[in-house]
Structures are given as C-alpha cells and as structure tokens.
Amino acid sequence: MNPVSQLVNNFLNDFVATAGLNFRTAEARYLPNSNGTASLPSAPRFR
C-alpha cells in the first residue's frame, strides 16, 4: 500500500469513527427513549 492510499484510509477510518461517536451522542441527547417510543425511526446499527 502506498503512503497516499494509507493516509486516505486512515482519514476515512477516523472520519467514520468520529461520525459514529457524534451520531450516538446526538441520538442519546435527542432521543432519551431508546425503547422504540420515539417518533423517529431507529437508525440501523452496523456494529
């Protein structure tokens, strides 16, 4: 793997991890009822 693709790969991994953490924090903040009583559909879980 050349350095450029490795750098891009690391950036994408960091971006996905950060976005996942931010989304979970926002979900916990705005949807306190995580048992399905919220009006918004639950997001798909990939992990």
Foldseek 3Di string as FASTA:
>chain_A
DDPVVVVVVVVVVVVVVVVVVVVVVVCCVPPVPPVPPDPDDDDDDPD
